[in-house]
Structure formats: structure tokens, C-alpha cells
Protein backbone atom coordinates (compact mmCIF):
# COMPACT_ATOMS: atom_id res chain seq x y z
CA MET A 1 -22.20 36.87 71.54
CA PRO A 2 -21.26 40.52 70.81
CA LEU A 3 -17.54 39.68 70.71
CA VAL A 4 -18.04 37.13 67.93
CA ARG A 5 -20.25 39.52 65.98
CA ASN A 6 -17.70 42.31 66.32
CA LEU A 7 -14.86 40.03 65.27
CA GLY A 8 -16.91 38.83 62.29
CA ARG A 9 -17.49 42.40 61.16
CA ALA A 10 -13.80 43.21 61.62
CA ALA A 11 -12.74 40.19 59.59
CA SER A 12 -15.16 41.13 56.82
CA GLN A 13 -13.79 44.67 56.68
CA LEU A 14 -10.19 43.45 56.47
CA LEU A 15 -11.01 40.93 53.75
CA GLN A 16 -12.85 43.55 51.71
CA SER A 17 -10.11 46.17 52.01
CA SER A 18 -8.53 46.73 48.58
CA GLY A 19 -5.43 48.23 50.14
CA CYS A 20 -4.57 45.35 52.44
CA GLY A 21 -2.48 43.22 50.09
CA CYS A 22 -2.30 40.72 52.94
CA GLY A 23 0.22 37.91 52.78
CA VAL A 24 -1.56 36.19 55.66
CA SER A 25 -4.80 34.29 55.96
CA LEU A 26 -7.73 35.98 57.65
CA VAL A 27 -9.83 33.27 59.26
CA PRO A 28 -13.57 33.28 60.03
CA VAL A 29 -14.27 33.53 63.72
CA ARG A 30 -17.52 31.61 63.98
CA ALA A 31 -15.93 28.90 66.14
CA ILE A 32 -14.15 30.95 68.80
CA GLY A 33 -13.98 29.02 72.03
CA VAL A 34 -15.64 25.89 70.60
CA SER A 35 -13.33 22.97 71.29
CA PRO A 36 -15.03 19.57 71.56
CA ARG A 37 -11.85 17.69 72.48
CA GLN A 38 -9.58 17.15 75.42
CA VAL A 39 -6.19 15.46 75.50
CA ALA A 40 -6.21 12.63 78.03
CA SER A 41 -4.13 13.35 81.10
CA ASP A 42 -2.13 10.14 80.63
CA ALA A 43 -1.68 10.54 76.88
CA SER A 44 1.70 9.87 75.35
CA PHE A 45 2.44 10.62 71.71
CA HIS A 46 5.43 10.00 69.50
CA SER A 47 6.39 11.43 66.13
CA VAL A 48 6.03 9.38 62.97
CA THR A 49 9.22 7.94 61.50
CA PHE A 50 9.38 7.55 57.73
CA SER A 51 11.37 4.97 55.83
CA GLU A 52 13.25 6.00 52.70
CA SER A 53 10.46 4.62 50.51
CA GLU A 54 7.71 6.51 52.32
CA HIS A 55 6.81 10.17 52.00
CA PRO A 56 5.01 12.31 54.55
CA ARG A 57 1.45 13.39 53.84
CA VAL A 58 1.54 17.17 54.27
CA LEU A 59 -1.09 19.79 55.12
CA ILE A 60 -0.25 23.52 54.96
CA THR A 61 -2.68 25.89 56.69
CA GLY A 62 -2.85 29.54 55.69
CA GLY A 63 -1.34 28.42 52.43
CA LEU A 64 -2.15 31.47 50.32
CA GLY A 65 0.08 33.76 52.37
CA GLN A 66 3.63 34.79 51.55
CA LEU A 67 5.23 31.40 52.22
CA GLY A 68 2.62 28.69 51.70
CA VAL A 69 2.55 28.47 47.91
CA GLY A 70 6.34 28.41 47.64
CA LEU A 71 6.59 25.81 50.37
CA ALA A 72 4.01 23.62 48.64
CA LYS A 73 5.99 23.81 45.39
CA LEU A 74 9.20 22.81 47.17
CA LEU A 75 7.59 19.94 49.07
CA ARG A 76 5.76 18.61 46.00
CA LYS A 77 9.06 18.36 44.16
CA ARG A 78 10.45 16.33 47.03
CA PHE A 79 7.49 14.21 48.13
CA GLY A 80 5.19 14.12 45.10
CA LYS A 81 2.40 16.42 43.96
CA ASN A 82 -0.47 14.55 45.61
CA ASN A 83 1.24 14.23 48.99
CA VAL A 84 1.08 17.96 49.74
CA ILE A 85 -2.26 19.66 50.39
CA LEU A 86 -2.48 23.45 50.39
CA SER A 87 -5.35 24.96 52.37
CA ASP A 88 -6.87 28.35 53.13
CA ILE A 89 -10.27 30.03 53.45
CA ARG A 90 -9.77 32.16 50.35
CA LYS A 91 -10.23 31.25 46.71
CA PRO A 92 -6.85 30.48 45.12
CA ALA A 93 -5.68 31.70 41.74
CA ASP A 94 -6.09 29.19 38.94
CA SER A 95 -2.34 28.65 38.79
CA VAL A 96 -2.37 27.59 42.45
CA PHE A 97 -5.57 25.56 42.28
CA TYR A 98 -4.40 23.44 39.35
CA SER A 99 -0.83 22.99 40.59
CA GLY A 100 -1.81 20.42 43.23
CA PRO A 101 -4.38 19.50 45.89
CA PHE A 102 -6.16 22.47 47.47
CA ILE A 103 -8.91 22.39 50.09
CA PHE A 104 -10.85 24.81 52.27
CA ALA A 105 -9.64 24.66 55.88
CA ASP A 106 -10.74 26.96 58.70
CA ILE A 107 -8.33 26.68 61.63
CA LEU A 108 -11.04 27.87 64.02
CA ASP A 109 -13.29 24.99 63.01
CA TYR A 110 -11.77 22.18 65.02
CA LYS A 111 -14.05 19.44 63.70
CA ASN A 112 -13.45 20.29 60.06
CA LEU A 113 -9.68 20.51 60.56
CA ARG A 114 -9.67 17.16 62.34
CA GLU A 115 -11.62 15.55 59.51
CA ILE A 116 -9.11 16.86 56.99
CA VAL A 117 -6.20 15.35 58.94
CA VAL A 118 -7.95 11.99 59.34
CA ASN A 119 -9.43 11.68 55.84
CA ASN A 120 -6.18 12.63 54.11
CA ARG A 121 -3.89 10.61 56.40
CA ILE A 122 -1.84 13.72 57.22
CA THR A 123 1.51 13.13 58.97
CA TRP A 124 3.18 16.56 58.67
CA LEU A 125 1.42 19.86 59.35
CA PHE A 126 2.81 23.34 58.57
CA HIS A 127 0.74 25.94 60.38
CA TYR A 128 1.07 29.31 58.62
CA SER A 129 -2.28 30.92 59.46
CA ALA A 130 -1.58 34.17 61.33
CA LEU A 131 -2.03 37.94 61.31
CA LEU A 132 1.26 39.83 61.09
CA SER A 133 2.49 42.65 63.30
CA ALA A 134 0.98 45.83 61.84
CA VAL A 135 -2.33 44.18 60.85
CA GLY A 136 -2.55 42.54 64.27
CA GLU A 137 -2.12 45.85 66.08
CA ALA A 138 -4.98 47.28 64.04
CA ASN A 139 -7.29 44.48 65.20
CA VAL A 140 -6.11 42.82 68.40
CA PRO A 141 -9.23 40.66 69.04
CA LEU A 142 -9.03 39.15 65.56
CA ALA A 143 -5.28 38.54 65.89
CA ARG A 144 -5.84 36.89 69.28
CA ALA A 145 -8.47 34.59 67.79
CA VAL A 146 -6.49 33.60 64.71
CA ASN A 147 -3.01 33.42 66.25
CA ILE A 148 -3.87 31.82 69.60
CA THR A 149 -7.20 29.99 69.37
CA GLY A 150 -6.24 28.59 65.98
CA LEU A 151 -2.91 27.42 67.37
CA HIS A 152 -4.66 25.53 70.19
CA ASN A 153 -6.78 23.64 67.66
CA VAL A 154 -3.69 22.70 65.65
CA LEU A 155 -1.71 21.59 68.72
CA ASP A 156 -4.47 19.30 69.95
CA ILE A 157 -5.03 17.73 66.53
CA ALA A 158 -1.30 17.27 65.97
CA ALA A 159 -0.89 15.60 69.37
CA GLU A 160 -3.93 13.37 68.95
CA HIS A 161 -2.86 12.14 65.52
CA ASN A 162 0.93 11.86 66.01
CA LEU A 163 1.78 14.61 63.54
CA ARG A 164 5.11 16.30 63.04
CA LEU A 165 4.13 19.94 63.51
CA PHE A 166 5.89 23.07 62.26
CA VAL A 167 4.82 26.49 63.52
CA PRO A 168 6.87 29.52 62.42
CA SER A 169 7.92 32.14 64.93
CA THR A 170 9.49 35.53 64.27
CA ILE A 171 11.87 38.29 65.26
CA GLY A 172 8.71 39.82 66.72
CA ALA A 173 8.82 37.30 69.57
CA PHE A 174 11.47 39.49 71.22
CA GLY A 175 10.98 42.83 72.93
CA PRO A 176 12.84 45.98 73.99
CA THR A 177 14.44 44.23 76.98
CA SER A 178 15.88 41.43 74.84
CA PRO A 179 19.54 41.64 73.78
CA ARG A 180 19.45 43.03 70.25
CA ASP A 181 22.90 42.62 68.72
CA PRO A 182 23.05 39.69 68.55
CA THR A 183 19.88 38.07 69.91
CA PRO A 184 20.47 34.49 71.13
CA ASP A 185 17.97 31.61 71.02
CA LEU A 186 17.36 31.77 74.77
CA CYS A 187 16.96 35.16 76.44
CA ILE A 188 14.33 37.52 77.84
CA GLN A 189 11.27 37.73 75.58
CA ARG A 190 8.80 40.50 76.36
CA PRO A 191 7.25 41.53 73.01
CA ARG A 192 4.89 44.49 72.85
CA THR A 193 2.69 43.44 69.94
CA ILE A 194 -0.13 40.90 69.94
CA TYR A 195 1.69 39.18 67.06
CA GLY A 196 4.85 38.81 69.14
CA VAL A 197 2.94 37.73 72.25
CA SER A 198 1.08 35.08 70.24
CA LYS A 199 4.36 33.75 68.84
CA VAL A 200 5.99 33.45 72.27
CA HIS A 201 2.82 31.63 73.31
CA ALA A 202 3.21 29.28 70.33
CA GLU A 203 6.86 28.57 71.15
CA LEU A 204 6.10 27.75 74.78
CA MET A 205 2.97 25.72 74.07
CA GLY A 206 4.79 23.70 71.41
CA GLU A 207 7.64 23.00 73.80
CA TYR A 208 5.16 22.06 76.54
CA TYR A 209 3.31 19.63 74.25
CA HIS A 210 6.65 18.12 73.26
CA TYR A 211 7.69 17.40 76.84
CA ARG A 212 4.19 16.62 78.16
CA TYR A 213 2.82 14.51 75.28
CA GLY A 214 5.83 13.73 73.07
CA LEU A 215 4.55 15.92 70.22
CA ASP A 216 7.21 16.38 67.52
CA PHE A 217 7.00 20.18 67.48
CA ARG A 218 9.53 22.17 65.46
CA CYS A 219 9.78 25.92 65.15
CA LEU A 220 12.02 28.52 63.48
CA ARG A 221 12.16 32.20 64.29
CA TYR A 222 12.05 33.82 60.86
CA PRO A 223 13.66 37.20 60.20
CA GLY A 224 11.97 39.55 57.73
CA ILE A 225 11.21 37.46 54.61
CA ILE A 226 11.67 39.01 51.17
CA SER A 227 10.08 37.54 48.05
CA ALA A 228 9.27 38.81 44.59
CA ASP A 229 6.09 36.87 43.92
CA SER A 230 3.95 38.17 46.81
CA GLN A 231 2.73 41.54 47.96
CA PRO A 232 3.47 43.00 51.41
CA GLY A 233 1.17 41.54 54.05
CA GLY A 234 1.13 44.00 56.91
CA GLY A 235 4.49 43.27 58.47
CA THR A 236 6.97 45.78 59.84
CA THR A 237 9.75 44.51 57.55
CA ASP A 238 7.62 44.76 54.39
CA TYR A 239 9.38 47.93 53.25
CA ALA A 240 12.16 45.63 52.02
CA VAL A 241 9.71 44.07 49.55
CA GLN A 242 7.85 47.23 48.54
CA ILE A 243 11.02 49.13 47.62
CA PHE A 244 11.65 46.84 44.64
CA HIS A 245 8.14 47.27 43.22
CA ASP A 246 8.21 51.06 43.65
CA ALA A 247 11.73 51.38 42.24
CA ILE A 248 10.62 49.62 39.06
CA LYS A 249 7.25 51.35 38.72
CA THR A 250 8.03 54.93 39.69
CA GLY A 251 11.69 55.29 40.66
CA LYS A 252 10.53 56.65 44.03
CA PHE A 253 10.10 55.03 47.42
CA LYS A 254 8.84 56.45 50.70
CA CYS A 255 10.04 54.39 53.66
CA TYR A 256 8.08 54.21 56.93
CA LEU A 257 11.18 53.32 59.01
CA ARG A 258 14.20 55.49 59.84
CA PRO A 259 17.18 55.07 57.48
CA ASP A 260 19.35 53.55 60.24
CA THR A 261 16.84 50.89 61.39
CA ARG A 262 18.77 47.61 61.25
CA LEU A 263 16.77 44.37 61.12
CA PRO A 264 17.60 40.75 60.18
CA MET A 265 16.30 39.70 56.76
CA MET A 266 16.23 36.61 54.55
CA TYR A 267 15.37 35.77 50.95
CA ILE A 268 12.40 33.44 50.66
CA ASP A 269 14.37 30.57 49.08
CA ASP A 270 16.62 30.42 52.14
CA CYS A 271 13.57 30.53 54.41
CA LEU A 272 11.87 27.62 52.66
CA LYS A 273 15.11 25.64 52.55
CA ALA A 274 15.60 26.09 56.29
CA THR A 275 12.01 25.04 56.98
CA LEU A 276 12.37 21.79 55.06
CA GLU A 277 15.79 21.09 56.56
CA VAL A 278 14.63 21.43 60.16
CA MET A 279 11.61 19.22 59.46
CA GLU A 280 13.84 16.52 57.95
CA ALA A 281 16.49 16.76 60.67
CA PRO A 282 16.81 13.64 62.86
CA ALA A 283 15.00 14.11 66.15
CA GLU A 284 18.13 13.23 68.09
CA ALA A 285 20.04 16.12 66.43
CA LEU A 286 17.70 18.77 67.79
CA THR A 287 18.73 20.24 71.13
CA MET A 288 15.80 22.68 71.26
CA ARG A 289 12.33 23.08 69.83
CA THR A 290 12.72 26.67 68.55
CA TYR A 291 15.73 27.99 66.64
CA ASN A 292 16.80 31.39 65.33
CA ILE A 293 17.79 31.40 61.65
CA SER A 294 19.61 34.26 59.98
CA ALA A 295 21.07 35.27 56.63
CA MET A 296 21.74 39.02 56.55
CA SER A 297 21.01 42.23 58.42
CA PHE A 298 20.67 45.68 56.86
CA THR A 299 19.11 49.13 57.17
CA PRO A 300 16.75 50.87 54.71
CA GLU A 301 19.64 53.14 53.71
CA GLU A 302 21.93 50.18 52.96
CA LEU A 303 19.20 48.46 50.96
CA ALA A 304 18.54 51.65 48.96
CA GLN A 305 22.24 51.95 48.09
CA GLU A 306 22.22 48.40 46.73
CA VAL A 307 18.98 49.00 44.79
CA GLN A 308 20.45 52.17 43.25
CA LYS A 309 23.06 50.01 41.50
CA TYR A 310 20.14 48.86 39.32
CA VAL A 311 17.97 51.99 39.48
CA PRO A 312 20.44 54.88 39.90
CA GLU A 313 17.67 57.48 39.80
CA LEU A 314 15.80 55.95 42.76
CA GLN A 315 14.60 58.72 45.08
CA MET A 316 14.40 57.48 48.67
CA THR A 317 12.43 59.55 51.18
CA TYR A 318 11.35 58.83 54.74
CA ASN A 319 7.99 59.33 56.40
CA VAL A 320 8.36 57.49 59.69
CA ASP A 321 5.33 55.54 60.91
CA GLN A 322 5.63 55.81 64.67
CA VAL A 323 3.78 52.52 65.29
CA ARG A 324 5.97 50.47 62.96
CA GLN A 325 9.12 52.29 64.07
CA ALA A 326 8.37 51.48 67.71
CA ILE A 327 7.87 47.84 66.76
CA ALA A 328 11.15 47.74 64.80
CA ASP A 329 13.04 49.41 67.66
CA SER A 330 11.98 46.58 69.98
CA TRP A 331 13.17 43.84 67.62
CA PRO A 332 16.61 42.22 67.15
CA MET A 333 19.19 43.91 64.95
CA ASN A 334 21.03 40.61 64.36
CA PHE A 335 20.15 36.99 65.09
CA ASP A 336 22.56 34.53 66.65
CA ASP A 337 21.72 31.30 64.80
CA SER A 338 24.81 29.32 65.82
CA ASN A 339 22.70 26.53 67.35
CA ALA A 340 20.87 25.91 64.07
CA ARG A 341 24.17 25.87 62.17
CA ARG A 342 25.65 23.42 64.68
CA ASP A 343 22.68 21.08 65.26
CA TRP A 344 21.29 20.54 61.77
CA GLY A 345 23.76 22.25 59.44
CA TRP A 346 21.87 25.43 58.58
CA LYS A 347 23.67 27.57 55.99
CA HIS A 348 22.17 30.46 54.02
CA ASP A 349 22.80 31.09 50.32
CA TYR A 350 21.75 34.74 49.87
CA ASP A 351 23.49 37.84 51.20
CA LEU A 352 22.35 41.40 50.38
CA PRO A 353 23.96 41.69 46.91
CA GLU A 354 22.58 38.27 45.86
CA LEU A 355 19.18 39.20 47.24
CA VAL A 356 18.94 42.42 45.23
CA THR A 357 20.23 40.78 42.05
CA THR A 358 17.68 37.98 42.39
CA MET A 359 14.79 40.34 43.06
CA PHE A 360 15.54 42.42 40.00
CA SER A 361 16.09 39.32 37.88
CA TYR A 362 12.59 38.24 38.86
CA LEU A 363 10.90 41.63 38.56
CA GLY A 364 13.17 43.43 36.12
CA SER A 365 11.60 43.06 32.69
CA ASP A 366 10.84 46.78 32.91
CA SER A 367 12.85 49.01 30.56
CA ARG A 368 14.10 51.04 33.54
CA ILE A 369 16.02 47.97 34.73
CA ALA A 370 17.17 47.01 31.26
CA GLN A 371 18.70 50.46 30.84
CA ALA A 372 20.38 50.29 34.25
CA ASN A 373 21.93 46.97 33.37
């Protein structure tokens, strides 16, 4: 099994890399291709319906990435602390471990994942385990294993046990032949990264399981997500997170994208709100399985101008990374999310000025920011 050995070594190297700062979960690959289950050809599944007095039992995979911890906090407020289980293959910080239930879950270990769902009476599953765009391009076999094989395990378990399943997609699911300004929900999708290809695969497989087996599959295409309490995780849009940290620490930022590169972005609170809203939306309100969601769209130059209102001395330079720039040039400049706004009432709260103010409010105890204010 040379492929498995090579993938194992690659995973170990990524996990040991001090410069990774990954906001995604890197998953062991010992179970690649092992799948001791098969959905019956005449199977028919239906989503669980909850009464007002009942709460879903939630499992979040890849929970130590950029979104999992925040999502768990939001869901625990709504459904109760013990009804939301965070999972990953990494050791959580004490603050995370003691904030609510946490368990080890390897998405490539089908049997273990199935036991978790059964033993904890899971009814909702949020599947966040994935390698992002730049990290995925650096290790395609590992990204293929985590993003595709892991998805297959989750789909089969969700169908077998009548779960309501959420799998995030991304602006990376589009390619250079897609309309870019704006990009509608339904159009040509020909991504040129393994991350994007795996997300198109997830969208189509989820839709297939919905129509073939009745699986309650729900999916949102996230724009670039910006948050103050996590480090960049290898995504092409991560410059929009790093600029705040560098502005506070050094007053200098070197951007790996061109100054005029326009991409859709969203503050994390809007992202988590949209995720909960689409999961709670009545099934009959949804006209599609995968929706675009949008909040704002800006360039590195426009973001720097807004940041300089707080750090006037910020020095912005550009050292274009050709790999990331090529990825960004194939992605949407603006999302058309009119279907989400019509079907289940999506409405964002944060535009660019609110985003920057919130980021500095969170990070800005530094004297540099105090003086600017």
C-alpha cells in the first residue's frame, strides 16, 4: 500500500509544520477505500422533523477549524450545551474541551464515525473536515482522501440514519469559465483546484442522495470567511485575515494577491448565522440543495484603505503568489445570492466598514490602535 504510506507521511509532515496555522482538520488516512457498508438499492430515507419541545442532537466534524468552534457555541446557546458534540482528530485547547462535549472522530474511519452517530443519537451533522485551496494544491492525494473519501463516509452514514446533513461549499467551486460578476447559483462550474473539484463533487453527490434516497442535504457556498479568533488556514482569501494581525503587530503587510483582485467576503458571524438559518428553514421553502450566500465584495487595496483608518501608518506592499493569484482569478468577483434571500430570508449584517470596526474591536487592545482611535 505505497499510496497509503505516502499519504500518511504527507499528513504527518503537514501536522508537524509550525508554519501551517491550518484552520482545517488534517485527517489520518489509514482507512482509505475501506467502506464496509452499502446503501440498499430500494432504500428510502426522510429527514427528521423536530417539535418545538425537541432539540436536534448535533455532531460537528472537523470542529477545530475556522468555523467549528464558533458554530458549536452558537448551537449550544440555541439547543443546549450537551446537545452539540464537537469532534476532530486534534487535541483541543482547554477552553474548547471544557466548553462542551468533545470527542475524537476520524472521518476516514467509517465504523468509528457510525458508532458516534448511533451511540449519541445524532440527528444533525455539520461536516467541516476539509483541506482548503492552497494547502490542497500542495498535497493533492491527501486533499482527495480527506475531501472526497471522507464525504462519502458522511453521506452514507447520514442517509442510513436519517440525518439532516450540512456540507459547506465555496467560491472555489467555480472556475474561469463561470460568470464572475455576478455568479449565479446555477451556471458552468469547472474549477481548477482539487479543493474546488471536491466541493462540486460534494454538491452533486448531496443533491443525488437527496433525490435518490430522500437525504435532507443542505449546502451553502461560502465566500471568503473573515474571523478574528482563528489563524489563516491555507485559503486563497486568507490575506483578508492576516492583514489585521500584521497591521497591529508591525504596521506592515505584504499581500500575495494583486491590489485589484476582487473577491466576495463575509464576516464569520454572518456565516454562522446563515448556516443555522438554512438548517432551520422548512424543507418546503428550499427550492435547491445548494445556495450562494454573500455579504460584501472588495479588493486588497479597498481593504487596506479601510484598515488605514485605524492604522494610518500601515505600509501595504504586494508580492504576488502566482499559484494563489491564478486561483483567485478563476473565482467569482460577486455572488448572486437572490435565491437564498427569497427562499429562506437570508440577510447579512456586516459590510466592509462594520467588518473592519469589529475586527479591530476584537484585536485592538494594542497601543497602536488606541492611538489611532
